[in-house]
C-alpha atoms as a PDB file:
ATOM      1  CA  GLY A   1      -9.917 -29.458  10.617  1.00  0.00           C
ATOM      2  CA  ALA A   2     -11.214 -26.916  13.120  1.00  0.00           C
ATOM      3  CA  VAL A   3      -7.739 -26.289  14.511  1.00  0.00           C
ATOM      4  CA  GLY A   4      -6.438 -25.728  10.968  1.00  0.00           C
ATOM      5  CA  LEU A   5      -9.206 -23.219  10.268  1.00  0.00           C
ATOM      6  CA  VAL A   6      -8.443 -21.313  13.470  1.00  0.00           C
ATOM      7  CA  PHE A   7      -4.728 -21.253  12.598  1.00  0.00           C
ATOM      8  CA  ILE A   8      -5.453 -19.969   9.086  1.00  0.00           C
ATOM      9  CA  HIS A   9      -7.837 -17.368  10.512  1.00  0.00           C
ATOM     10  CA  GLU A  10      -5.127 -16.136  12.902  1.00  0.00           C
ATOM     11  CA  ASN A  11      -2.668 -15.846  10.007  1.00  0.00           C
ATOM     12  CA  TYR A  12      -5.160 -13.914   7.894  1.00  0.00           C
ATOM     13  CA  ARG A  13      -5.873 -11.568  10.797  1.00  0.00           C
ATOM     14  CA  ALA A  14      -2.128 -10.958  11.247  1.00  0.00           C
ATOM     15  CA  LEU A  15      -1.733 -10.337   7.501  1.00  0.00           C
ATOM     16  CA  LEU A  16      -4.533  -7.773   7.684  1.00  0.00           C
ATOM     17  CA  VAL A  17      -3.281  -6.111  10.879  1.00  0.00           C
ATOM     18  CA  ILE A  18       0.297  -5.598   9.675  1.00  0.00           C
ATOM     19  CA  PRO A  19      -0.604  -3.401   6.652  1.00  0.00           C
ATOM     20  CA  LEU A  20      -3.104  -1.482   8.795  1.00  0.00           C
ATOM     21  CA  LEU A  21      -0.398  -0.812  11.384  1.00  0.00           C
ATOM     22  CA  LEU A  22       2.044   0.257   8.669  1.00  0.00           C
ATOM     23  CA  ILE A  23      -0.554   2.613   7.173  1.00  0.00           C
ATOM     24  CA  GLY A  24      -1.400   3.901  10.661  1.00  0.00           C
ATOM     25  CA  TYR A  25       2.242   4.763  11.304  1.00  0.00           C
ATOM     26  CA  ILE A  26       3.351   5.867   7.832  1.00  0.00           C
ATOM     27  CA  MET A  27       0.400   8.045   6.794  1.00  0.00           C
ATOM     28  CA  PRO A  28       0.548  10.433   9.795  1.00  0.00           C
ATOM     29  CA  ALA A  29       4.325  10.674   9.351  1.00  0.00           C
ATOM     30  CA  LEU A  30       3.951  11.563   5.660  1.00  0.00           C
ATOM     31  CA  VAL A  31       1.186  14.067   6.423  1.00  0.00           C
ATOM     32  CA  LEU A  32       3.226  15.731   9.162  1.00  0.00           C
ATOM     33  CA  ARG A  33       6.302  15.840   6.910  1.00  0.00           C
ATOM     34  CA  SER A  34       4.385  17.405   4.018  1.00  0.00           C
ATOM     35  CA  MET A  35       2.742  19.924   6.368  1.00  0.00           C
ATOM     36  CA  TYR A  36       6.144  20.775   7.865  1.00  0.00           C
ATOM     37  CA  ARG A  37       7.670  21.150   4.394  1.00  0.00           C
ATOM     38  CA  LYS A  38       4.880  23.536   3.303  1.00  0.00           C
ATOM     39  CA  GLN A  39       5.300  25.566   6.478  1.00  0.00           C
ATOM     40  CA  SER A  40       9.085  25.851   6.064  1.00  0.00           C
ATOM     41  CA  GLU A  41       8.646  26.871   2.405  1.00  0.00           C
ATOM     42  CA  GLU A  42       6.210  29.603   3.449  1.00  0.00           C
ATOM     43  CA  ASP A  43       8.636  30.828   6.114  1.00  0.00           C
ATOM     44  CA  ALA A  44      11.511  30.919   3.595  1.00  0.00           C
ATOM     45  CA  SER A  45       9.654  33.043   1.034  1.00  0.00           C
END
């Protein structure tokens, strides 16, 4: 029983970490891209 609970806990932690990692990588990339796009638009005009 205890081993099963630990295993489930590890899986839940992994399931929580993966989206956090994705958000951590994707959000800065999107922010940088949008900032870069705004800057290039300002330079063009």
